[in-house]
Amino acid sequence: MTTRFTIQALLDLVEGDREVIEHLVEEGIIEIGEDYRAVVDVDIVLVARTLWRELAIDWSGIGVILRLTSDLARARQRIAELEALVAKP
């Protein structure tokens, strides 16, 4: 779920870790709007920060993990939709 944040609120969320925010902007995971508000999925930001700071995974690896996580979430949603269709009488 994406949410709009001010840049400062986003920095507060990651405890001032500008490096994480900069990388996520470069990767296109965080989009900065014309009003300087970030459009972002908070869960992805927190996962990326954990992968970077706690697990010391490099940014190319984090990109792969985040894409796979997103793909898996979409696949699960699609499976649930198909199961609901099949279950209809």
Protein backbone atom coordinates (compact mmCIF):
# COMPACT_ATOMS: atom_id res chain seq x y z
CA MET A 1 0.00 0.00 0.00
CA THR A 2 1.50 3.31 -1.03
CA THR A 3 1.32 6.39 1.14
CA ARG A 4 2.36 10.01 0.68
CA PHE A 5 4.97 11.36 3.08
CA THR A 6 6.90 14.55 3.39
CA ILE A 7 10.61 13.91 2.94
CA GLN A 8 11.15 14.78 6.60
CA ALA A 9 8.49 12.31 7.77
CA LEU A 10 10.11 9.64 5.63
CA LEU A 11 13.52 10.41 7.13
CA ASP A 12 11.98 10.21 10.60
CA LEU A 13 10.57 6.79 9.69
CA VAL A 14 14.06 5.49 8.91
CA GLU A 15 15.66 7.32 11.83
CA GLY A 16 17.40 9.88 9.63
CA ASP A 17 19.07 7.33 7.36
CA ARG A 18 19.43 9.48 4.22
CA GLU A 19 21.49 6.85 2.41
CA VAL A 20 18.59 4.40 2.38
CA ILE A 21 16.21 7.05 1.05
CA GLU A 22 18.68 8.12 -1.64
CA HIS A 23 19.16 4.55 -2.85
CA LEU A 24 15.42 3.89 -2.91
CA VAL A 25 14.84 7.05 -4.95
CA GLU A 26 17.59 5.98 -7.38
CA GLU A 27 15.98 2.55 -7.72
CA GLY A 28 12.58 4.12 -8.38
CA ILE A 29 11.05 2.57 -5.28
CA ILE A 30 10.36 6.00 -3.82
CA GLU A 31 8.89 8.60 -6.14
CA ILE A 32 9.27 12.26 -5.25
CA GLY A 33 6.36 14.34 -6.48
CA GLU A 34 6.34 17.95 -7.61
CA ASP A 35 5.19 18.94 -4.12
CA TYR A 36 8.31 17.27 -2.66
CA ARG A 37 6.25 14.56 -1.05
CA ALA A 38 7.33 10.97 -1.38
CA VAL A 39 4.97 8.33 -2.70
CA VAL A 40 6.11 5.15 -1.05
CA ASP A 41 5.20 1.73 0.29
CA VAL A 42 6.30 2.00 3.92
CA ASP A 43 6.78 -1.75 4.30
CA ILE A 44 9.22 -1.83 1.39
CA VAL A 45 11.21 1.07 2.84
CA LEU A 46 11.50 -0.68 6.19
CA VAL A 47 12.44 -4.00 4.59
CA ALA A 48 15.11 -2.30 2.48
CA ARG A 49 16.53 -0.55 5.52
CA THR A 50 16.68 -3.85 7.43
CA LEU A 51 18.35 -5.64 4.54
CA TRP A 52 20.93 -2.84 4.22
CA ARG A 53 21.68 -2.04 7.84
CA GLU A 54 20.99 -5.29 9.69
CA LEU A 55 21.89 -7.92 7.10
CA ALA A 56 24.52 -5.96 5.10
CA ILE A 57 23.06 -6.93 1.73
CA ASP A 58 24.28 -4.72 -1.11
CA TRP A 59 21.88 -2.60 -3.16
CA SER A 60 21.86 -4.86 -6.19
CA GLY A 61 20.76 -7.72 -3.93
CA ILE A 62 18.19 -5.54 -2.21
CA GLY A 63 16.72 -4.62 -5.60
CA VAL A 64 16.34 -8.29 -6.50
CA ILE A 65 14.78 -9.13 -3.13
CA LEU A 66 12.31 -6.24 -3.33
CA ARG A 67 11.26 -7.16 -6.89
CA LEU A 68 10.78 -10.81 -5.92
CA THR A 69 8.81 -9.79 -2.83
CA SER A 70 6.56 -7.60 -4.97
CA ASP A 71 6.12 -10.35 -7.59
CA LEU A 72 5.24 -12.85 -4.87
CA ALA A 73 2.65 -10.52 -3.34
CA ARG A 74 1.02 -10.01 -6.75
CA ALA A 75 1.03 -13.77 -7.40
CA ARG A 76 -0.60 -14.43 -4.04
CA GLN A 77 -3.26 -11.84 -4.77
CA ARG A 78 -3.94 -13.36 -8.18
CA ILE A 79 -4.18 -16.87 -6.71
CA ALA A 80 -6.69 -15.62 -4.12
CA GLU A 81 -8.75 -14.03 -6.91
CA LEU A 82 -8.70 -17.23 -8.96
CA GLU A 83 -9.63 -19.33 -5.92
CA ALA A 84 -12.58 -17.02 -5.28
CA LEU A 85 -13.72 -17.44 -8.90
CA VAL A 86 -13.45 -21.21 -8.71
CA ALA A 87 -15.33 -21.34 -5.41
CA LYS A 88 -18.35 -19.47 -6.80
CA PRO A 89 -21.32 -21.77 -7.41
